[in-house]
Amino acid sequence: MQDRVHGVVTNILGRDRFELRILDTGRFNEHNYKNWACIRIAGINDPELYPGNHPGLPESIPMEKLKNREVQCFIMARDNDGNAVAVVQCVN
C-alpha cells in the first residue's frame, strides 16, 4: 500500500520538487510524516539531471502554478536524497 499525504504547496524547489506543508496523512501510511515534506513529482525527467539536447522538451515545467495549491500526494518511492517521489493531484 502506498503512503498518502495531503497539504499545501508552500515553496517550489526546482523543476520537479516542491515543499509541502502537511495537513493530513493517510491512516495506514508506512512512513511517519511531520509538518513538512519535500516532494518530487514522479515521471518528470528534469533536464538538469539529463544534460544534452532534448528536442520538444519545454524550457521549464510550470511548477509555479502549484504554489499555494492544496494537493494530495501518493508516495511511490524515495529518491537518493530521501525526498518522497509521488503522483500529485490538485485538490483545489
N, C-alpha and C. Protein backbone atom coordinates (compact mmCIF):
# COMPACT_ATOMS: atom_id res chain seq x y z
N MET A 1 0.85 -1.17 0.00
CA MET A 1 0.00 0.00 0.00
C MET A 1 0.90 1.24 0.00
N GLN A 2 0.57 2.22 -0.82
CA GLN A 2 1.37 3.43 -0.89
C GLN A 2 0.92 4.45 0.16
N ASP A 3 1.90 5.26 0.61
CA ASP A 3 1.59 6.31 1.56
C ASP A 3 0.83 7.44 0.86
N ARG A 4 0.07 8.19 1.64
CA ARG A 4 -0.68 9.34 1.13
C ARG A 4 -0.49 10.50 2.09
N VAL A 5 -0.21 11.68 1.52
CA VAL A 5 -0.16 12.90 2.31
C VAL A 5 -0.96 13.97 1.59
N HIS A 6 -1.53 14.86 2.36
CA HIS A 6 -2.39 15.92 1.83
C HIS A 6 -1.90 17.22 2.46
N GLY A 7 -1.75 18.26 1.63
CA GLY A 7 -1.28 19.52 2.18
C GLY A 7 -1.26 20.64 1.18
N VAL A 8 -0.53 21.71 1.52
CA VAL A 8 -0.46 22.92 0.69
C VAL A 8 0.99 23.11 0.23
N VAL A 9 1.17 23.36 -1.06
CA VAL A 9 2.49 23.62 -1.62
C VAL A 9 2.92 25.02 -1.18
N THR A 10 4.04 25.08 -0.46
CA THR A 10 4.50 26.37 0.08
C THR A 10 5.68 26.96 -0.66
N ASN A 11 6.47 26.10 -1.31
CA ASN A 11 7.68 26.60 -1.95
C ASN A 11 8.03 25.67 -3.11
N ILE A 12 8.46 26.26 -4.23
CA ILE A 12 8.93 25.49 -5.37
C ILE A 12 10.44 25.36 -5.23
N LEU A 13 10.96 24.14 -5.26
CA LEU A 13 12.38 23.89 -5.02
C LEU A 13 13.16 23.54 -6.28
N GLY A 14 12.49 23.41 -7.40
CA GLY A 14 13.15 23.05 -8.65
C GLY A 14 12.13 22.71 -9.70
N ARG A 15 12.60 22.11 -10.78
CA ARG A 15 11.69 21.78 -11.88
C ARG A 15 10.79 20.59 -11.59
N ASP A 16 11.12 19.84 -10.55
CA ASP A 16 10.31 18.66 -10.25
C ASP A 16 10.08 18.45 -8.75
N ARG A 17 10.44 19.46 -7.93
CA ARG A 17 10.31 19.31 -6.47
C ARG A 17 9.63 20.52 -5.85
N PHE A 18 8.92 20.25 -4.76
CA PHE A 18 8.30 21.33 -4.01
C PHE A 18 8.24 20.97 -2.53
N GLU A 19 8.03 21.99 -1.71
CA GLU A 19 7.89 21.80 -0.27
C GLU A 19 6.40 21.78 0.05
N LEU A 20 6.00 20.83 0.86
CA LEU A 20 4.60 20.64 1.20
C LEU A 20 4.40 20.82 2.70
N ARG A 21 3.46 21.69 3.08
CA ARG A 21 3.03 21.79 4.48
C ARG A 21 1.92 20.76 4.64
N ILE A 22 2.18 19.75 5.43
CA ILE A 22 1.25 18.63 5.55
C ILE A 22 0.09 18.97 6.46
N LEU A 23 -1.11 18.75 5.95
CA LEU A 23 -2.34 18.96 6.72
C LEU A 23 -2.91 17.66 7.24
N ASP A 24 -2.67 16.57 6.48
CA ASP A 24 -3.27 15.28 6.83
C ASP A 24 -2.42 14.17 6.22
N THR A 25 -2.38 13.04 6.88
CA THR A 25 -1.67 11.87 6.34
C THR A 25 -2.61 10.69 6.29
N GLY A 26 -2.23 9.73 5.48
CA GLY A 26 -3.03 8.51 5.37
C GLY A 26 -3.01 7.73 6.68
N ARG A 27 -4.09 7.12 6.95
CA ARG A 27 -4.25 6.38 8.21
C ARG A 27 -3.31 5.18 8.31
N PHE A 28 -3.01 4.58 7.17
CA PHE A 28 -2.20 3.35 7.17
C PHE A 28 -0.84 3.57 6.51
N ASN A 29 -0.30 4.81 6.58
CA ASN A 29 1.00 5.09 5.98
C ASN A 29 2.09 4.23 6.60
N GLU A 30 3.03 3.83 5.77
CA GLU A 30 4.17 3.05 6.22
C GLU A 30 5.22 3.92 6.91
N HIS A 31 5.40 5.15 6.41
CA HIS A 31 6.38 6.09 6.97
C HIS A 31 5.68 7.14 7.84
N ASN A 32 6.46 7.73 8.74
CA ASN A 32 5.95 8.83 9.56
C ASN A 32 6.25 10.15 8.86
N TYR A 33 5.32 11.09 8.91
CA TYR A 33 5.48 12.40 8.30
C TYR A 33 5.26 13.46 9.36
N LYS A 34 6.10 14.48 9.34
CA LYS A 34 5.97 15.58 10.29
C LYS A 34 5.12 16.66 9.66
N ASN A 35 5.40 17.91 9.94
CA ASN A 35 4.60 19.01 9.41
C ASN A 35 4.97 19.40 7.98
N TRP A 36 6.19 19.04 7.54
CA TRP A 36 6.68 19.46 6.23
C TRP A 36 7.29 18.27 5.51
N ALA A 37 7.27 18.28 4.18
CA ALA A 37 7.94 17.25 3.39
C ALA A 37 8.39 17.85 2.07
N CYS A 38 9.49 17.33 1.55
CA CYS A 38 9.95 17.67 0.22
C CYS A 38 9.41 16.59 -0.71
N ILE A 39 8.64 17.00 -1.72
CA ILE A 39 8.01 16.07 -2.63
C ILE A 39 8.61 16.24 -4.03
N ARG A 40 8.94 15.14 -4.65
CA ARG A 40 9.42 15.14 -6.03
C ARG A 40 8.33 14.49 -6.88
N ILE A 41 7.94 15.15 -7.96
CA ILE A 41 6.86 14.64 -8.80
C ILE A 41 7.37 13.48 -9.65
N ALA A 42 6.69 12.36 -9.57
CA ALA A 42 7.07 11.17 -10.33
C ALA A 42 6.85 11.40 -11.82
N GLY A 43 7.78 10.90 -12.63
CA GLY A 43 7.60 10.94 -14.08
C GLY A 43 8.15 12.16 -14.77
N ILE A 44 8.67 13.14 -14.03
CA ILE A 44 9.28 14.31 -14.67
C ILE A 44 10.76 14.05 -14.78
N ASN A 45 11.28 14.04 -16.00
CA ASN A 45 12.71 13.88 -16.22
C ASN A 45 13.33 15.26 -16.30
N ASP A 46 13.90 15.70 -15.23
CA ASP A 46 14.49 17.04 -15.13
C ASP A 46 15.68 17.14 -16.07
N PRO A 47 15.68 18.12 -16.99
CA PRO A 47 16.81 18.28 -17.90
C PRO A 47 18.14 18.52 -17.19
N GLU A 48 18.09 19.07 -15.97
CA GLU A 48 19.33 19.26 -15.22
C GLU A 48 19.95 17.92 -14.84
N LEU A 49 19.13 16.90 -14.71
CA LEU A 49 19.63 15.58 -14.36
C LEU A 49 20.10 14.81 -15.59
N TYR A 50 19.57 15.19 -16.77
CA TYR A 50 19.89 14.51 -18.01
C TYR A 50 20.39 15.54 -19.02
N PRO A 51 21.66 15.98 -18.91
CA PRO A 51 22.16 17.02 -19.81
C PRO A 51 22.18 16.56 -21.26
N GLY A 52 22.14 17.55 -22.15
CA GLY A 52 22.18 17.27 -23.58
C GLY A 52 21.00 17.91 -24.27
N ASN A 53 20.85 17.62 -25.53
CA ASN A 53 19.78 18.20 -26.33
C ASN A 53 18.50 17.39 -26.13
N HIS A 54 17.41 18.07 -25.81
CA HIS A 54 16.12 17.42 -25.59
C HIS A 54 15.07 18.09 -26.47
N PRO A 55 14.98 17.71 -27.75
CA PRO A 55 14.01 18.35 -28.64
C PRO A 55 12.58 18.16 -28.12
N GLY A 56 11.82 19.23 -28.17
CA GLY A 56 10.42 19.17 -27.77
C GLY A 56 10.19 19.32 -26.29
N LEU A 57 11.24 19.32 -25.48
CA LEU A 57 11.09 19.47 -24.03
C LEU A 57 10.97 20.95 -23.70
N PRO A 58 9.93 21.36 -22.99
CA PRO A 58 9.80 22.78 -22.65
C PRO A 58 10.95 23.24 -21.78
N GLU A 59 11.26 24.53 -21.85
CA GLU A 59 12.34 25.11 -21.05
C GLU A 59 12.12 24.84 -19.57
N SER A 60 10.91 25.03 -19.11
CA SER A 60 10.62 24.75 -17.70
C SER A 60 9.18 24.27 -17.57
N ILE A 61 8.96 23.44 -16.62
CA ILE A 61 7.62 22.95 -16.32
C ILE A 61 6.97 24.00 -15.42
N PRO A 62 5.71 24.35 -15.65
CA PRO A 62 5.08 25.45 -14.89
C PRO A 62 4.80 25.09 -13.43
N MET A 63 5.86 24.85 -12.69
CA MET A 63 5.73 24.48 -11.28
C MET A 63 5.13 25.59 -10.44
N GLU A 64 5.37 26.84 -10.82
CA GLU A 64 4.85 27.97 -10.04
C GLU A 64 3.33 27.92 -9.91
N LYS A 65 2.66 27.25 -10.83
CA LYS A 65 1.20 27.13 -10.76
C LYS A 65 0.76 26.29 -9.56
N LEU A 66 1.67 25.49 -9.01
CA LEU A 66 1.33 24.67 -7.85
C LEU A 66 1.41 25.44 -6.53
N LYS A 67 2.14 26.56 -6.53
CA LYS A 67 2.36 27.30 -5.29
C LYS A 67 1.03 27.73 -4.66
N ASN A 68 0.90 27.48 -3.37
CA ASN A 68 -0.29 27.79 -2.56
C ASN A 68 -1.50 26.93 -2.91
N ARG A 69 -1.31 25.90 -3.72
CA ARG A 69 -2.41 25.00 -4.05
C ARG A 69 -2.46 23.85 -3.06
N GLU A 70 -3.63 23.35 -2.84
CA GLU A 70 -3.82 22.18 -1.99
C GLU A 70 -3.70 20.94 -2.87
N VAL A 71 -2.86 20.00 -2.44
CA VAL A 71 -2.61 18.81 -3.25
C VAL A 71 -2.68 17.54 -2.40
N GLN A 72 -2.90 16.45 -3.09
CA GLN A 72 -2.85 15.13 -2.49
C GLN A 72 -1.69 14.40 -3.17
N CYS A 73 -0.81 13.79 -2.39
CA CYS A 73 0.36 13.11 -2.93
C CYS A 73 0.31 11.63 -2.59
N PHE A 74 0.48 10.81 -3.61
CA PHE A 74 0.51 9.37 -3.44
C PHE A 74 1.97 8.95 -3.61
N ILE A 75 2.63 8.64 -2.50
CA ILE A 75 4.06 8.37 -2.48
C ILE A 75 4.35 7.01 -3.11
N MET A 76 5.19 7.04 -4.15
CA MET A 76 5.55 5.82 -4.88
C MET A 76 6.89 5.25 -4.41
N ALA A 77 7.81 6.14 -4.04
CA ALA A 77 9.17 5.71 -3.68
C ALA A 77 9.88 6.86 -2.98
N ARG A 78 11.15 6.66 -2.70
CA ARG A 78 12.04 7.70 -2.16
C ARG A 78 13.25 7.80 -3.08
N ASP A 79 13.72 9.04 -3.35
CA ASP A 79 14.92 9.19 -4.17
C ASP A 79 16.16 9.08 -3.30
N ASN A 80 17.33 9.23 -3.91
CA ASN A 80 18.60 9.09 -3.19
C ASN A 80 18.79 10.14 -2.10
N ASP A 81 18.10 11.27 -2.22
CA ASP A 81 18.20 12.34 -1.22
C ASP A 81 17.16 12.19 -0.11
N GLY A 82 16.32 11.18 -0.18
CA GLY A 82 15.30 10.97 0.83
C GLY A 82 13.99 11.67 0.54
N ASN A 83 13.89 12.36 -0.61
CA ASN A 83 12.64 13.02 -0.99
C ASN A 83 11.59 11.98 -1.35
N ALA A 84 10.36 12.26 -1.01
CA ALA A 84 9.26 11.39 -1.43
C ALA A 84 9.01 11.64 -2.92
N VAL A 85 8.92 10.57 -3.71
CA VAL A 85 8.59 10.65 -5.13
C VAL A 85 7.13 10.26 -5.22
N ALA A 86 6.30 11.17 -5.77
CA ALA A 86 4.85 10.98 -5.69
C ALA A 86 4.11 11.37 -6.96
N VAL A 87 2.97 10.74 -7.13
CA VAL A 87 1.99 11.20 -8.09
C VAL A 87 1.19 12.26 -7.36
N VAL A 88 1.04 13.43 -7.97
CA VAL A 88 0.44 14.58 -7.30
C VAL A 88 -0.87 14.94 -7.98
N GLN A 89 -1.88 15.16 -7.15
CA GLN A 89 -3.21 15.53 -7.64
C GLN A 89 -3.65 16.82 -6.95
N CYS A 90 -4.03 17.83 -7.74
CA CYS A 90 -4.52 19.08 -7.16
C CYS A 90 -5.93 18.86 -6.61
N VAL A 91 -6.15 19.42 -5.41
CA VAL A 91 -7.44 19.27 -4.75
C VAL A 91 -8.31 20.49 -5.02
N ASN A 92 -7.68 21.67 -5.08
CA ASN A 92 -8.47 22.90 -5.35
C ASN A 92 -7.99 23.58 -6.58
